[in-house]
Amino acid sequence: MKHIEIKGAGKPISTLIKGTDYFTHETYEKATDNMNAFLEIGGNTVDTAHIYCGGQSEEVLGRYMEEHGNRDSIVILTKGAHHDQHGPRVNAKDIRSDLNASLERLKTNFIELYALHRDDENIPVSVIVDALNEHIKAGQIGAIGASNWSWQRLKEANDYAASGGLVGFTFSSPNLSLAKANEPFWAGCVSADQQTLDWHTQSQLPLLSWSSQARGFFTGRFTREVRNNADLVRVFYSDDNWERLHRAQQLAAEKKTTPIQIALAYVLNQPFPTCALIGAQNREELLSCEQGSTITLTQDELNWLDLSATKQLR
């Protein structure tokens, strides 16, 4: 499997990142089987968060690493400072509280990739960057990033860090997929638009995409008439996305692969470093993702898939 470098992480990052938002104590055996299969195909980076499964996701991952003695071969991406029922929590106190809880659950003293799960634009970037740098200096986290931040706030934060000799964000994690979101999945979520992609191309800041395969939109299970998944209908059903699906089907036929593998390849062939967070929950799905990660797409093919070019390539 291919890997990218993220400054501060200290380890290479596999371009496929294993999602764990279904890891619970009751499904520990399934989680173990999935983790073993992921490592077998060359993956090493695992995504979790302070809020996933009420903390069980991190706890199960911590138990798995302890029982298998493989912590050193795994890169942890976890996230904190998600809002709660009282509102935003992107502040020094809550960052510290979530990070300490995550370290305890994961049974580790260091997290390679630490991201803020949401933003709060009422908080100056200086306050946030200063708080995160305290934990870098303490040796608790390596690279810092942001999930669901706009590129403008990322740039502002990194400009502040650079001006004061501090560590800035070295990765971002918005949604990026071939299917474009009509509206946010949940309040505060960010999907990469063209301006975001242009900024990543110019800055070469790595992008780790969640819902990289558009929550199954390209599997063939969904059509204009099938409307039994309200969230998918709300977020992804549009004329443009049906056309993108059609083009993915065409290109998949030419390349003797599948539309969902083309959709994954779209994320992994951007003109800047990318990784795809994948929700594969069995060996077959993992192998499909592995195969999709090996597909090379040209810029012309990317443009055509994304409707930037209307003329068929072949």
C-alpha atoms as a PDB file:
ATOM      1  CA  MET A   1       0.000   0.000   0.000  1.00  0.00           C
ATOM      2  CA  LYS A   2       1.158   3.515  -0.718  1.00  0.00           C
ATOM      3  CA  HIS A   3       1.992   5.916   2.110  1.00  0.00           C
ATOM      4  CA  ILE A   4       2.329   9.663   2.498  1.00  0.00           C
ATOM      5  CA  GLU A   5       4.347  11.773   4.905  1.00  0.00           C
ATOM      6  CA  ILE A   6       2.736  14.136   7.399  1.00  0.00           C
ATOM      7  CA  LYS A   7       5.123  16.451   9.195  1.00  0.00           C
ATOM      8  CA  GLY A   8       5.272  15.647  12.895  1.00  0.00           C
ATOM      9  CA  ALA A   9       3.712  12.194  12.742  1.00  0.00           C
ATOM     10  CA  GLY A  10       7.044  10.386  12.859  1.00  0.00           C
ATOM     11  CA  LYS A  11       5.741   7.475  10.789  1.00  0.00           C
ATOM     12  CA  PRO A  12       4.516   7.043   7.203  1.00  0.00           C
ATOM     13  CA  ILE A  13       0.736   7.261   6.837  1.00  0.00           C
ATOM     14  CA  SER A  14      -1.064   4.623   4.763  1.00  0.00           C
ATOM     15  CA  THR A  15      -3.264   6.135   2.066  1.00  0.00           C
ATOM     16  CA  LEU A  16      -6.131   3.984   3.332  1.00  0.00           C
ATOM     17  CA  ILE A  17      -7.091   4.848   6.902  1.00  0.00           C
ATOM     18  CA  LYS A  18      -9.253   2.365   8.777  1.00  0.00           C
ATOM     19  CA  GLY A  19     -12.438   3.771  10.265  1.00  0.00           C
ATOM     20  CA  THR A  20     -13.442   2.529  13.717  1.00  0.00           C
ATOM     21  CA  ASP A  21     -16.712   4.325  14.431  1.00  0.00           C
ATOM     22  CA  TYR A  22     -18.406   0.931  14.851  1.00  0.00           C
ATOM     23  CA  PHE A  23     -15.897  -0.522  17.356  1.00  0.00           C
ATOM     24  CA  THR A  24     -17.685  -1.484  20.570  1.00  0.00           C
ATOM     25  CA  HIS A  25     -16.914  -3.909  23.376  1.00  0.00           C
ATOM     26  CA  GLU A  26     -19.729  -6.172  22.179  1.00  0.00           C
ATOM     27  CA  THR A  27     -18.191  -6.383  18.690  1.00  0.00           C
ATOM     28  CA  TYR A  28     -14.586  -6.777  19.823  1.00  0.00           C
ATOM     29  CA  GLU A  29     -14.008  -9.948  17.804  1.00  0.00           C
ATOM     30  CA  LYS A  30     -15.239  -8.260  14.629  1.00  0.00           C
ATOM     31  CA  ALA A  31     -13.002  -5.263  15.350  1.00  0.00           C
ATOM     32  CA  THR A  32     -10.040  -7.595  15.862  1.00  0.00           C
ATOM     33  CA  ASP A  33     -10.692  -9.445  12.601  1.00  0.00           C
ATOM     34  CA  ASN A  34     -11.046  -6.138  10.731  1.00  0.00           C
ATOM     35  CA  MET A  35      -7.854  -4.720  12.210  1.00  0.00           C
ATOM     36  CA  ASN A  36      -5.877  -7.866  11.400  1.00  0.00           C
ATOM     37  CA  ALA A  37      -7.149  -7.842   7.809  1.00  0.00           C
ATOM     38  CA  PHE A  38      -6.312  -4.148   7.443  1.00  0.00           C
ATOM     39  CA  LEU A  39      -2.744  -4.665   8.654  1.00  0.00           C
ATOM     40  CA  GLU A  40      -2.377  -7.650   6.329  1.00  0.00           C
ATOM     41  CA  ILE A  41      -3.062  -5.497   3.243  1.00  0.00           C
ATOM     42  CA  GLY A  42      -0.422  -2.983   4.321  1.00  0.00           C
ATOM     43  CA  GLY A  43      -2.524  -0.422   6.158  1.00  0.00           C
ATOM     44  CA  ASN A  44      -1.154   1.117   9.334  1.00  0.00           C
ATOM     45  CA  THR A  45      -3.274   4.192  10.124  1.00  0.00           C
ATOM     46  CA  VAL A  46      -6.494   4.010  12.128  1.00  0.00           C
ATOM     47  CA  ASP A  47      -9.110   6.732  12.605  1.00  0.00           C
ATOM     48  CA  THR A  48     -11.058   7.147  15.811  1.00  0.00           C
ATOM     49  CA  ALA A  49     -12.387   9.988  17.969  1.00  0.00           C
ATOM     50  CA  HIS A  50     -13.184  10.904  21.557  1.00  0.00           C
ATOM     51  CA  ILE A  51     -16.926  10.772  20.823  1.00  0.00           C
ATOM     52  CA  TYR A  52     -17.117   7.582  18.731  1.00  0.00           C
ATOM     53  CA  CYS A  53     -19.398   4.990  20.317  1.00  0.00           C
ATOM     54  CA  GLY A  54     -19.333   6.952  23.546  1.00  0.00           C
ATOM     55  CA  GLY A  55     -15.611   6.328  23.924  1.00  0.00           C
ATOM     56  CA  GLN A  56     -15.761   2.611  23.150  1.00  0.00           C
ATOM     57  CA  SER A  57     -14.032   3.020  19.783  1.00  0.00           C
ATOM     58  CA  GLU A  58     -10.854   4.284  21.443  1.00  0.00           C
ATOM     59  CA  GLU A  59     -11.133   1.742  24.253  1.00  0.00           C
ATOM     60  CA  VAL A  60     -11.467  -1.177  21.841  1.00  0.00           C
ATOM     61  CA  LEU A  61      -8.533   0.048  19.755  1.00  0.00           C
ATOM     62  CA  GLY A  62      -6.445   0.410  22.919  1.00  0.00           C
ATOM     63  CA  ARG A  63      -7.343  -3.105  24.026  1.00  0.00           C
ATOM     64  CA  TYR A  64      -6.569  -4.500  20.577  1.00  0.00           C
ATOM     65  CA  MET A  65      -3.103  -2.914  20.465  1.00  0.00           C
ATOM     66  CA  GLU A  66      -2.298  -4.010  24.016  1.00  0.00           C
ATOM     67  CA  GLU A  67      -3.378  -7.619  23.439  1.00  0.00           C
ATOM     68  CA  HIS A  68      -1.564  -7.884  20.093  1.00  0.00           C
ATOM     69  CA  GLY A  69       1.536  -5.971  21.147  1.00  0.00           C
ATOM     70  CA  ASN A  70       1.522  -3.968  17.928  1.00  0.00           C
ATOM     71  CA  ARG A  71       1.195  -0.349  19.093  1.00  0.00           C
ATOM     72  CA  ASP A  72       4.510   0.591  17.458  1.00  0.00           C
ATOM     73  CA  SER A  73       3.296  -0.526  14.021  1.00  0.00           C
ATOM     74  CA  ILE A  74       0.063   1.493  14.157  1.00  0.00           C
ATOM     75  CA  VAL A  75      -0.516   5.198  13.536  1.00  0.00           C
ATOM     76  CA  ILE A  76      -3.379   6.614  15.576  1.00  0.00           C
ATOM     77  CA  LEU A  77      -5.529   9.422  14.220  1.00  0.00           C
ATOM     78  CA  THR A  78      -7.955  10.573  16.869  1.00  0.00           C
ATOM     79  CA  LYS A  79     -10.028  13.699  17.292  1.00  0.00           C
ATOM     80  CA  GLY A  80     -11.273  15.794  20.172  1.00  0.00           C
ATOM     81  CA  ALA A  81     -13.082  19.013  21.115  1.00  0.00           C
ATOM     82  CA  HIS A  82     -16.346  18.040  19.431  1.00  0.00           C
ATOM     83  CA  HIS A  83     -19.307  20.121  20.530  1.00  0.00           C
ATOM     84  CA  ASP A  84     -21.797  18.693  23.022  1.00  0.00           C
ATOM     85  CA  GLN A  85     -25.364  19.480  24.053  1.00  0.00           C
ATOM     86  CA  HIS A  86     -24.138  22.723  25.588  1.00  0.00           C
ATOM     87  CA  GLY A  87     -22.410  23.975  22.447  1.00  0.00           C
ATOM     88  CA  PRO A  88     -18.849  24.339  21.082  1.00  0.00           C
ATOM     89  CA  ARG A  89     -15.888  22.989  23.073  1.00  0.00           C
ATOM     90  CA  VAL A  90     -12.901  24.193  21.041  1.00  0.00           C
ATOM     91  CA  ASN A  91     -10.945  25.666  23.919  1.00  0.00           C
ATOM     92  CA  ALA A  92      -7.817  24.850  25.911  1.00  0.00           C
ATOM     93  CA  LYS A  93      -9.681  23.232  28.823  1.00  0.00           C
ATOM     94  CA  ASP A  94     -11.770  20.851  26.712  1.00  0.00           C
ATOM     95  CA  ILE A  95      -8.914  20.015  24.355  1.00  0.00           C
ATOM     96  CA  ARG A  96      -6.838  18.982  27.374  1.00  0.00           C
ATOM     97  CA  SER A  97      -9.691  16.977  28.901  1.00  0.00           C
ATOM     98  CA  ASP A  98     -10.493  15.086  25.681  1.00  0.00           C
ATOM     99  CA  LEU A  99      -6.853  14.424  24.870  1.00  0.00           C
ATOM    100  CA  ASN A 100      -6.111  13.002  28.308  1.00  0.00           C
ATOM    101  CA  ALA A 101      -9.181  10.780  28.119  1.00  0.00           C
ATOM    102  CA  SER A 102      -8.171   9.564  24.656  1.00  0.00           C
ATOM    103  CA  LEU A 103      -4.639   8.720  25.805  1.00  0.00           C
ATOM    104  CA  GLU A 104      -6.016   6.692  28.697  1.00  0.00           C
ATOM    105  CA  ARG A 105      -8.544   4.827  26.555  1.00  0.00           C
ATOM    106  CA  LEU A 106      -5.974   4.079  23.863  1.00  0.00           C
ATOM    107  CA  LYS A 107      -3.505   2.828  26.475  1.00  0.00           C
ATOM    108  CA  THR A 108      -0.738   4.975  25.021  1.00  0.00           C
ATOM    109  CA  ASN A 109       1.238   8.086  25.945  1.00  0.00           C
ATOM    110  CA  PHE A 110       1.504   9.464  22.413  1.00  0.00           C
ATOM    111  CA  ILE A 111      -0.863  10.080  19.504  1.00  0.00           C
ATOM    112  CA  GLU A 112       0.711  10.508  16.082  1.00  0.00           C
ATOM    113  CA  LEU A 113      -2.131  12.470  14.467  1.00  0.00           C
ATOM    114  CA  TYR A 114      -4.378  14.620  16.646  1.00  0.00           C
ATOM    115  CA  ALA A 115      -7.208  16.623  15.086  1.00  0.00           C
ATOM    116  CA  LEU A 116      -9.843  18.991  16.357  1.00  0.00           C
ATOM    117  CA  HIS A 117     -13.180  17.461  15.419  1.00  0.00           C
ATOM    118  CA  ARG A 118     -14.958  20.772  14.860  1.00  0.00           C
ATOM    119  CA  ASP A 119     -14.176  24.471  14.725  1.00  0.00           C
ATOM    120  CA  ASP A 120     -15.517  27.405  16.700  1.00  0.00           C
ATOM    121  CA  GLU A 121     -14.913  30.570  14.754  1.00  0.00           C
ATOM    122  CA  ASN A 122     -15.636  32.640  17.862  1.00  0.00           C
ATOM    123  CA  ILE A 123     -12.331  31.432  19.309  1.00  0.00           C
ATOM    124  CA  PRO A 124      -9.183  33.131  17.912  1.00  0.00           C
ATOM    125  CA  VAL A 125      -6.826  30.739  16.150  1.00  0.00           C
ATOM    126  CA  SER A 126      -4.043  31.961  18.444  1.00  0.00           C
ATOM    127  CA  VAL A 127      -5.786  30.454  21.484  1.00  0.00           C
ATOM    128  CA  ILE A 128      -6.248  27.104  19.721  1.00  0.00           C
ATOM    129  CA  VAL A 129      -2.752  26.867  18.246  1.00  0.00           C
ATOM    130  CA  ASP A 130      -1.167  27.847  21.577  1.00  0.00           C
ATOM    131  CA  ALA A 131      -3.152  25.141  23.378  1.00  0.00           C
ATOM    132  CA  LEU A 132      -2.204  22.419  20.901  1.00  0.00           C
ATOM    133  CA  ASN A 133       1.457  23.404  20.985  1.00  0.00           C
ATOM    134  CA  GLU A 134       1.528  22.853  24.742  1.00  0.00           C
ATOM    135  CA  HIS A 135       0.652  19.197  24.143  1.00  0.00           C
ATOM    136  CA  ILE A 136       3.225  18.878  21.376  1.00  0.00           C
ATOM    137  CA  LYS A 137       5.895  20.226  23.734  1.00  0.00           C
ATOM    138  CA  ALA A 138       4.708  17.793  26.407  1.00  0.00           C
ATOM    139  CA  GLY A 139       5.289  14.914  23.989  1.00  0.00           C
ATOM    140  CA  GLN A 140       1.661  13.807  23.938  1.00  0.00           C
ATOM    141  CA  ILE A 141       0.920  14.435  20.262  1.00  0.00           C
ATOM    142  CA  GLY A 142       2.904  14.586  17.051  1.00  0.00           C
ATOM    143  CA  ALA A 143       1.143  16.193  14.097  1.00  0.00           C
ATOM    144  CA  ILE A 144      -1.864  18.433  14.634  1.00  0.00           C
ATOM    145  CA  GLY A 145      -4.719  18.804  12.200  1.00  0.00           C
ATOM    146  CA  ALA A 146      -8.295  19.899  11.885  1.00  0.00           C
ATOM    147  CA  SER A 147     -11.409  18.063  10.838  1.00  0.00           C
ATOM    148  CA  ASN A 148     -14.197  20.189   9.386  1.00  0.00           C
ATOM    149  CA  TRP A 149     -12.309  23.461   9.300  1.00  0.00           C
ATOM    150  CA  SER A 150     -12.505  25.823   6.354  1.00  0.00           C
ATOM    151  CA  TRP A 151      -9.330  26.364   4.391  1.00  0.00           C
ATOM    152  CA  GLN A 152      -9.446  30.031   5.371  1.00  0.00           C
ATOM    153  CA  ARG A 153      -9.274  29.193   9.087  1.00  0.00           C
ATOM    154  CA  LEU A 154      -6.516  26.647   8.446  1.00  0.00           C
ATOM    155  CA  LYS A 155      -4.485  29.275   6.621  1.00  0.00           C
ATOM    156  CA  GLU A 156      -5.097  31.825   9.370  1.00  0.00           C
ATOM    157  CA  ALA A 157      -3.972  29.348  12.016  1.00  0.00           C
ATOM    158  CA  ASN A 158      -0.849  28.370  10.108  1.00  0.00           C
ATOM    159  CA  ASP A 159       0.044  31.983   9.405  1.00  0.00           C
ATOM    160  CA  TYR A 160      -0.204  32.668  13.140  1.00  0.00           C
ATOM    161  CA  ALA A 161       1.930  29.620  13.971  1.00  0.00           C
ATOM    162  CA  ALA A 162       4.580  30.593  11.452  1.00  0.00           C
ATOM    163  CA  SER A 163       4.751  34.155  12.789  1.00  0.00           C
ATOM    164  CA  GLY A 164       5.496  32.916  16.296  1.00  0.00           C
ATOM    165  CA  GLY A 165       7.708  29.941  15.582  1.00  0.00           C
ATOM    166  CA  LEU A 166       4.989  27.484  16.612  1.00  0.00           C
ATOM    167  CA  VAL A 167       3.847  24.230  15.055  1.00  0.00           C
ATOM    168  CA  GLY A 168       0.903  24.667  12.713  1.00  0.00           C
ATOM    169  CA  PHE A 169      -1.613  22.260  11.266  1.00  0.00           C
ATOM    170  CA  THR A 170       0.054  19.718   9.000  1.00  0.00           C
ATOM    171  CA  PHE A 171      -3.108  17.981   7.797  1.00  0.00           C
ATOM    172  CA  SER A 172      -6.793  18.639   7.296  1.00  0.00           C
ATOM    173  CA  SER A 173      -9.712  16.210   7.340  1.00  0.00           C
ATOM    174  CA  PRO A 174     -12.851  17.416   5.590  1.00  0.00           C
ATOM    175  CA  ASN A 175     -15.168  15.340   3.433  1.00  0.00           C
ATOM    176  CA  LEU A 176     -13.879  14.866  -0.101  1.00  0.00           C
ATOM    177  CA  SER A 177     -15.599  12.493  -2.482  1.00  0.00           C
ATOM    178  CA  LEU A 178     -16.527  12.247  -6.136  1.00  0.00           C
ATOM    179  CA  ALA A 179     -20.157  12.833  -5.165  1.00  0.00           C
ATOM    180  CA  LYS A 180     -20.560  16.409  -3.968  1.00  0.00           C
ATOM    181  CA  ALA A 181     -22.607  17.143  -0.862  1.00  0.00           C
ATOM    182  CA  ASN A 182     -25.764  19.213  -1.317  1.00  0.00           C
ATOM    183  CA  GLU A 183     -25.598  20.245   2.335  1.00  0.00           C
ATOM    184  CA  PRO A 184     -23.559  19.285   5.411  1.00  0.00           C
ATOM    185  CA  PHE A 185     -23.927  15.752   6.777  1.00  0.00           C
ATOM    186  CA  TRP A 186     -24.206  17.172  10.286  1.00  0.00           C
ATOM    187  CA  ALA A 187     -24.006  20.722  11.634  1.00  0.00           C
ATOM    188  CA  GLY A 188     -20.462  22.016  11.463  1.00  0.00           C
ATOM    189  CA  CYS A 189     -19.262  19.501   8.897  1.00  0.00           C
ATOM    190  CA  VAL A 190     -17.184  20.709   5.953  1.00  0.00           C
ATOM    191  CA  SER A 191     -16.946  19.255   2.457  1.00  0.00           C
ATOM    192  CA  ALA A 192     -14.074  20.303   0.223  1.00  0.00           C
ATOM    193  CA  ASP A 193     -15.214  22.649  -2.542  1.00  0.00           C
ATOM    194  CA  GLN A 194     -13.125  23.795  -5.490  1.00  0.00           C
ATOM    195  CA  GLN A 195     -11.549  26.665  -3.543  1.00  0.00           C
ATOM    196  CA  THR A 196     -10.486  24.192  -0.871  1.00  0.00           C
ATOM    197  CA  LEU A 197      -8.962  21.876  -3.470  1.00  0.00           C
ATOM    198  CA  ASP A 198      -7.156  24.794  -5.087  1.00  0.00           C
ATOM    199  CA  TRP A 199      -5.707  25.820  -1.709  1.00  0.00           C
ATOM    200  CA  HIS A 200      -4.542  22.279  -0.960  1.00  0.00           C
ATOM    201  CA  THR A 201      -2.942  22.102  -4.394  1.00  0.00           C
ATOM    202  CA  GLN A 202      -1.112  25.353  -3.768  1.00  0.00           C
ATOM    203  CA  SER A 203      -0.122  24.584  -0.157  1.00  0.00           C
ATOM    204  CA  GLN A 204       0.342  20.800  -0.591  1.00  0.00           C
ATOM    205  CA  LEU A 205      -1.201  20.308   2.839  1.00  0.00           C
ATOM    206  CA  PRO A 206      -2.265  16.650   3.134  1.00  0.00           C
ATOM    207  CA  LEU A 207      -6.012  15.996   3.126  1.00  0.00           C
ATOM    208  CA  LEU A 208      -7.480  12.981   4.935  1.00  0.00           C
ATOM    209  CA  SER A 209     -10.996  12.555   3.589  1.00  0.00           C
ATOM    210  CA  TRP A 210     -13.879  11.188   5.618  1.00  0.00           C
ATOM    211  CA  SER A 211     -16.833   9.609   3.758  1.00  0.00           C
ATOM    212  CA  SER A 212     -14.361   9.262   0.915  1.00  0.00           C
ATOM    213  CA  GLN A 213     -16.669   6.863  -0.948  1.00  0.00           C
ATOM    214  CA  ALA A 214     -19.785   8.960  -0.382  1.00  0.00           C
ATOM    215  CA  ARG A 215     -21.334   6.513   2.078  1.00  0.00           C
ATOM    216  CA  GLY A 216     -21.919   3.878  -0.586  1.00  0.00           C
ATOM    217  CA  PHE A 217     -23.394   6.139  -3.278  1.00  0.00           C
ATOM    218  CA  PHE A 218     -21.255   4.421  -5.928  1.00  0.00           C
ATOM    219  CA  THR A 219     -21.995   0.812  -4.897  1.00  0.00           C
ATOM    220  CA  GLY A 220     -24.925   0.413  -7.284  1.00  0.00           C
ATOM    221  CA  ARG A 221     -27.409  -0.010  -4.434  1.00  0.00           C
ATOM    222  CA  PHE A 222     -28.883   3.450  -4.988  1.00  0.00           C
ATOM    223  CA  THR A 223     -30.852   4.924  -7.895  1.00  0.00           C
ATOM    224  CA  ARG A 224     -33.043   7.968  -8.362  1.00  0.00           C
ATOM    225  CA  GLU A 225     -36.024   5.801  -7.404  1.00  0.00           C
ATOM    226  CA  VAL A 226     -34.478   4.173  -4.329  1.00  0.00           C
ATOM    227  CA  ARG A 227     -35.025   6.722  -1.572  1.00  0.00           C
ATOM    228  CA  ASN A 228     -34.981   4.618   1.586  1.00  0.00           C
ATOM    229  CA  ASN A 229     -31.842   6.276   2.981  1.00  0.00           C
ATOM    230  CA  ALA A 230     -32.988   9.748   3.977  1.00  0.00           C
ATOM    231  CA  ASP A 231     -29.479  11.052   4.749  1.00  0.00           C
ATOM    232  CA  LEU A 232     -28.075   9.864   1.441  1.00  0.00           C
ATOM    233  CA  VAL A 233     -31.020  11.414  -0.417  1.00  0.00           C
ATOM    234  CA  ARG A 234     -30.577  14.685   1.440  1.00  0.00           C
ATOM    235  CA  VAL A 235     -26.816  14.927   0.994  1.00  0.00           C
ATOM    236  CA  PHE A 236     -25.989  13.257  -2.315  1.00  0.00           C
ATOM    237  CA  TYR A 237     -29.051  12.935  -4.558  1.00  0.00           C
ATOM    238  CA  SER A 238     -28.656  15.479  -7.344  1.00  0.00           C
ATOM    239  CA  ASP A 239     -28.585  15.499 -11.133  1.00  0.00           C
ATOM    240  CA  ASP A 240     -24.862  16.256 -11.139  1.00  0.00           C
ATOM    241  CA  ASN A 241     -24.089  13.347  -8.828  1.00  0.00           C
ATOM    242  CA  TRP A 242     -26.125  10.921 -10.944  1.00  0.00           C
ATOM    243  CA  GLU A 243     -24.029  12.067 -13.890  1.00  0.00           C
ATOM    244  CA  ARG A 244     -20.844  11.520 -11.867  1.00  0.00           C
ATOM    245  CA  LEU A 245     -22.062   8.011 -11.043  1.00  0.00           C
ATOM    246  CA  HIS A 246     -22.733   7.373 -14.731  1.00  0.00           C
ATOM    247  CA  ARG A 247     -19.234   8.528 -15.662  1.00  0.00           C
ATOM    248  CA  ALA A 248     -17.709   6.417 -12.883  1.00  0.00           C
ATOM    249  CA  GLN A 249     -19.550   3.426 -14.324  1.00  0.00           C
ATOM    250  CA  GLN A 250     -18.206   4.190 -17.805  1.00  0.00           C
ATOM    251  CA  LEU A 251     -14.624   4.585 -16.630  1.00  0.00           C
ATOM    252  CA  ALA A 252     -14.896   1.489 -14.440  1.00  0.00           C
ATOM    253  CA  ALA A 253     -15.960  -0.564 -17.447  1.00  0.00           C
ATOM    254  CA  GLU A 254     -12.974   0.708 -19.447  1.00  0.00           C
ATOM    255  CA  LYS A 255     -10.538  -0.032 -16.627  1.00  0.00           C
ATOM    256  CA  LYS A 256     -12.190  -3.358 -15.712  1.00  0.00           C
ATOM    257  CA  THR A 257     -12.897  -2.278 -12.162  1.00  0.00           C
ATOM    258  CA  THR A 258     -15.938  -1.037 -10.219  1.00  0.00           C
ATOM    259  CA  PRO A 259     -17.521   2.417  -9.853  1.00  0.00           C
ATOM    260  CA  ILE A 260     -16.842   2.542  -6.111  1.00  0.00           C
ATOM    261  CA  GLN A 261     -13.167   1.798  -6.756  1.00  0.00           C
ATOM    262  CA  ILE A 262     -13.109   4.636  -9.288  1.00  0.00           C
ATOM    263  CA  ALA A 263     -14.663   6.898  -6.653  1.00  0.00           C
ATOM    264  CA  LEU A 264     -11.919   5.930  -4.211  1.00  0.00           C
ATOM    265  CA  ALA A 265      -9.247   6.475  -6.860  1.00  0.00           C
ATOM    266  CA  TYR A 266     -10.673   9.967  -7.465  1.00  0.00           C
ATOM    267  CA  VAL A 267      -9.827  10.899  -3.855  1.00  0.00           C
ATOM    268  CA  LEU A 268      -6.375   9.313  -3.944  1.00  0.00           C
ATOM    269  CA  ASN A 269      -5.261  10.864  -7.259  1.00  0.00           C
ATOM    270  CA  GLN A 270      -5.607  14.532  -6.379  1.00  0.00           C
ATOM    271  CA  PRO A 271      -2.647  16.853  -7.160  1.00  0.00           C
ATOM    272  CA  PHE A 272      -1.746  17.025  -3.457  1.00  0.00           C
ATOM    273  CA  PRO A 273      -1.200  14.339  -0.785  1.00  0.00           C
ATOM    274  CA  THR A 274      -4.428  12.559   0.169  1.00  0.00           C
ATOM    275  CA  CYS A 275      -5.616   9.650   2.255  1.00  0.00           C
ATOM    276  CA  ALA A 276      -9.069   8.094   2.353  1.00  0.00           C
ATOM    277  CA  LEU A 277     -10.829   7.173   5.575  1.00  0.00           C
ATOM    278  CA  ILE A 278     -12.687   3.970   4.717  1.00  0.00           C
ATOM    279  CA  GLY A 279     -15.628   2.325   6.436  1.00  0.00           C
ATOM    280  CA  ALA A 280     -14.879  -1.225   5.254  1.00  0.00           C
ATOM    281  CA  GLN A 281     -16.189  -3.719   7.823  1.00  0.00           C
ATOM    282  CA  ASN A 282     -15.116  -7.035   6.319  1.00  0.00           C
ATOM    283  CA  ARG A 283     -12.264  -8.554   4.355  1.00  0.00           C
ATOM    284  CA  GLU A 284     -14.068  -8.324   1.010  1.00  0.00           C
ATOM    285  CA  GLU A 285     -14.670  -4.588   1.406  1.00  0.00           C
ATOM    286  CA  LEU A 286     -11.078  -4.067   2.525  1.00  0.00           C
ATOM    287  CA  LEU A 287      -9.745  -5.881  -0.529  1.00  0.00           C
ATOM    288  CA  SER A 288     -11.985  -3.766  -2.753  1.00  0.00           C
ATOM    289  CA  CYS A 289     -10.519  -0.622  -1.189  1.00  0.00           C
ATOM    290  CA  GLU A 290      -6.996  -1.966  -1.593  1.00  0.00           C
ATOM    291  CA  GLN A 291      -7.613  -2.562  -5.298  1.00  0.00           C
ATOM    292  CA  GLY A 292      -9.150   0.884  -5.706  1.00  0.00           C
ATOM    293  CA  SER A 293      -6.126   2.476  -4.066  1.00  0.00           C
ATOM    294  CA  THR A 294      -3.864   1.131  -6.828  1.00  0.00           C
ATOM    295  CA  ILE A 295      -5.795   2.773  -9.693  1.00  0.00           C
ATOM    296  CA  THR A 296      -4.078   5.706 -11.381  1.00  0.00           C
ATOM    297  CA  LEU A 297      -6.244   8.461 -12.848  1.00  0.00           C
ATOM    298  CA  THR A 298      -4.983  11.272 -15.045  1.00  0.00           C
ATOM    299  CA  GLN A 299      -5.929  14.889 -14.436  1.00  0.00           C
ATOM    300  CA  ASP A 300      -8.115  14.724 -17.546  1.00  0.00           C
ATOM    301  CA  GLU A 301      -9.932  11.736 -16.094  1.00  0.00           C
ATOM    302  CA  LEU A 302     -10.373  13.501 -12.754  1.00  0.00           C
ATOM    303  CA  ASN A 303     -11.794  16.555 -14.501  1.00  0.00           C
ATOM    304  CA  TRP A 304     -14.145  14.446 -16.601  1.00  0.00           C
ATOM    305  CA  LEU A 305     -15.430  12.470 -13.621  1.00  0.00           C
ATOM    306  CA  ASP A 306     -16.020  15.710 -11.729  1.00  0.00           C
ATOM    307  CA  LEU A 307     -17.892  17.305 -14.639  1.00  0.00           C
ATOM    308  CA  SER A 308     -15.116  19.842 -15.200  1.00  0.00           C
ATOM    309  CA  ALA A 309     -14.849  18.441 -18.730  1.00  0.00           C
ATOM    310  CA  THR A 310     -18.057  17.608 -20.561  1.00  0.00           C
ATOM    311  CA  LYS A 311     -16.568  15.834 -23.568  1.00  0.00           C
ATOM    312  CA  GLN A 312     -16.071  12.095 -23.195  1.00  0.00           C
ATOM    313  CA  LEU A 313     -12.462  11.053 -22.911  1.00  0.00           C
ATOM    314  CA  ARG A 314     -12.830   8.064 -25.217  1.00  0.00           C
END
